[in-house]
Amino acid sequence: MAELSDQEMLRYNRQIILRGFDFEGQEALKDARVLVVGLGGLGCAATQYLAALASGN
């Protein structure tokens, strides 16, 4: 699993402090792969949110 850099820890600290979602959860998101089929109204917004969540791929 890819470790978080200091810069990533600062950027995603609000997600890391959530109960049940700690460093391991954020590292799992970093390693996640996501496929979005179609970039209509929902797909376009979904890709923006996924990029902001720091999904790795």
C-alpha atoms as a PDB file:
ATOM      1  CA  MET A   1       0.000   0.000   0.000  1.00  0.00           C
ATOM      2  CA  ALA A   2       1.331   3.432  -0.914  1.00  0.00           C
ATOM      3  CA  GLU A   3       2.221   5.602   2.051  1.00  0.00           C
ATOM      4  CA  LEU A   4       1.064   9.191   2.323  1.00  0.00           C
ATOM      5  CA  SER A   5       3.574  11.985   1.968  1.00  0.00           C
ATOM      6  CA  ASP A   6       3.652  14.839   4.483  1.00  0.00           C
ATOM      7  CA  GLN A   7       1.928  17.086   1.946  1.00  0.00           C
ATOM      8  CA  GLU A   8      -0.847  14.524   1.410  1.00  0.00           C
ATOM      9  CA  MET A   9      -1.352  14.149   5.166  1.00  0.00           C
ATOM     10  CA  LEU A  10      -1.819  17.909   5.477  1.00  0.00           C
ATOM     11  CA  ARG A  11      -4.193  18.029   2.515  1.00  0.00           C
ATOM     12  CA  TYR A  12      -6.380  15.115   3.614  1.00  0.00           C
ATOM     13  CA  ASN A  13      -6.196  15.538   7.406  1.00  0.00           C
ATOM     14  CA  ARG A  14      -9.959  16.219   7.641  1.00  0.00           C
ATOM     15  CA  GLN A  15     -10.669  12.813   6.122  1.00  0.00           C
ATOM     16  CA  ILE A  16      -7.995  11.080   8.189  1.00  0.00           C
ATOM     17  CA  ILE A  17      -9.467  12.258  11.512  1.00  0.00           C
ATOM     18  CA  LEU A  18     -12.913  10.779  10.767  1.00  0.00           C
ATOM     19  CA  ARG A  19     -13.881   7.899  13.025  1.00  0.00           C
ATOM     20  CA  GLY A  20     -13.386   4.623  11.187  1.00  0.00           C
ATOM     21  CA  PHE A  21     -11.345   6.268   8.448  1.00  0.00           C
ATOM     22  CA  ASP A  22      -7.721   6.795   9.374  1.00  0.00           C
ATOM     23  CA  PHE A  23      -4.364   6.581   7.608  1.00  0.00           C
ATOM     24  CA  GLU A  24      -5.159   3.110   6.278  1.00  0.00           C
ATOM     25  CA  GLY A  25      -8.410   4.349   4.757  1.00  0.00           C
ATOM     26  CA  GLN A  26      -6.713   7.259   3.018  1.00  0.00           C
ATOM     27  CA  GLU A  27      -3.920   5.007   1.766  1.00  0.00           C
ATOM     28  CA  ALA A  28      -6.547   2.596   0.406  1.00  0.00           C
ATOM     29  CA  LEU A  29      -8.157   5.512  -1.456  1.00  0.00           C
ATOM     30  CA  LYS A  30      -4.772   6.453  -2.871  1.00  0.00           C
ATOM     31  CA  ASP A  31      -4.368   2.906  -4.209  1.00  0.00           C
ATOM     32  CA  ALA A  32      -7.970   2.703  -5.485  1.00  0.00           C
ATOM     33  CA  ARG A  33      -8.824   2.345  -9.144  1.00  0.00           C
ATOM     34  CA  VAL A  34     -12.067   3.794 -10.437  1.00  0.00           C
ATOM     35  CA  LEU A  35     -13.797   3.460 -13.784  1.00  0.00           C
ATOM     36  CA  VAL A  36     -16.422   6.027 -14.736  1.00  0.00           C
ATOM     37  CA  VAL A  37     -18.441   5.116 -17.810  1.00  0.00           C
ATOM     38  CA  GLY A  38     -20.085   8.110 -19.436  1.00  0.00           C
ATOM     39  CA  LEU A  39     -19.476  11.730 -18.623  1.00  0.00           C
ATOM     40  CA  GLY A  40     -23.023  12.982 -18.622  1.00  0.00           C
ATOM     41  CA  GLY A  41     -24.443  15.101 -15.832  1.00  0.00           C
ATOM     42  CA  LEU A  42     -23.715  12.580 -13.080  1.00  0.00           C
ATOM     43  CA  GLY A  43     -20.438  11.209 -14.436  1.00  0.00           C
ATOM     44  CA  CYS A  44     -18.929  14.667 -14.830  1.00  0.00           C
ATOM     45  CA  ALA A  45     -19.646  15.580 -11.214  1.00  0.00           C
ATOM     46  CA  ALA A  46     -18.527  12.154  -9.993  1.00  0.00           C
ATOM     47  CA  THR A  47     -15.118  12.489 -11.641  1.00  0.00           C
ATOM     48  CA  GLN A  48     -14.571  15.873  -9.989  1.00  0.00           C
ATOM     49  CA  TYR A  49     -15.415  14.455  -6.559  1.00  0.00           C
ATOM     50  CA  LEU A  50     -13.223  11.408  -7.111  1.00  0.00           C
ATOM     51  CA  ALA A  51     -10.293  13.612  -8.089  1.00  0.00           C
ATOM     52  CA  ALA A  52     -10.780  15.693  -4.951  1.00  0.00           C
ATOM     53  CA  LEU A  53     -10.873  12.531  -2.814  1.00  0.00           C
ATOM     54  CA  ALA A  54      -7.418  11.594  -4.037  1.00  0.00           C
ATOM     55  CA  SER A  55      -8.235   8.290  -5.605  1.00  0.00           C
ATOM     56  CA  GLY A  56      -4.919   7.206  -7.037  1.00  0.00           C
ATOM     57  CA  ASN A  57      -6.011   5.969 -10.455  1.00  0.00           C
END
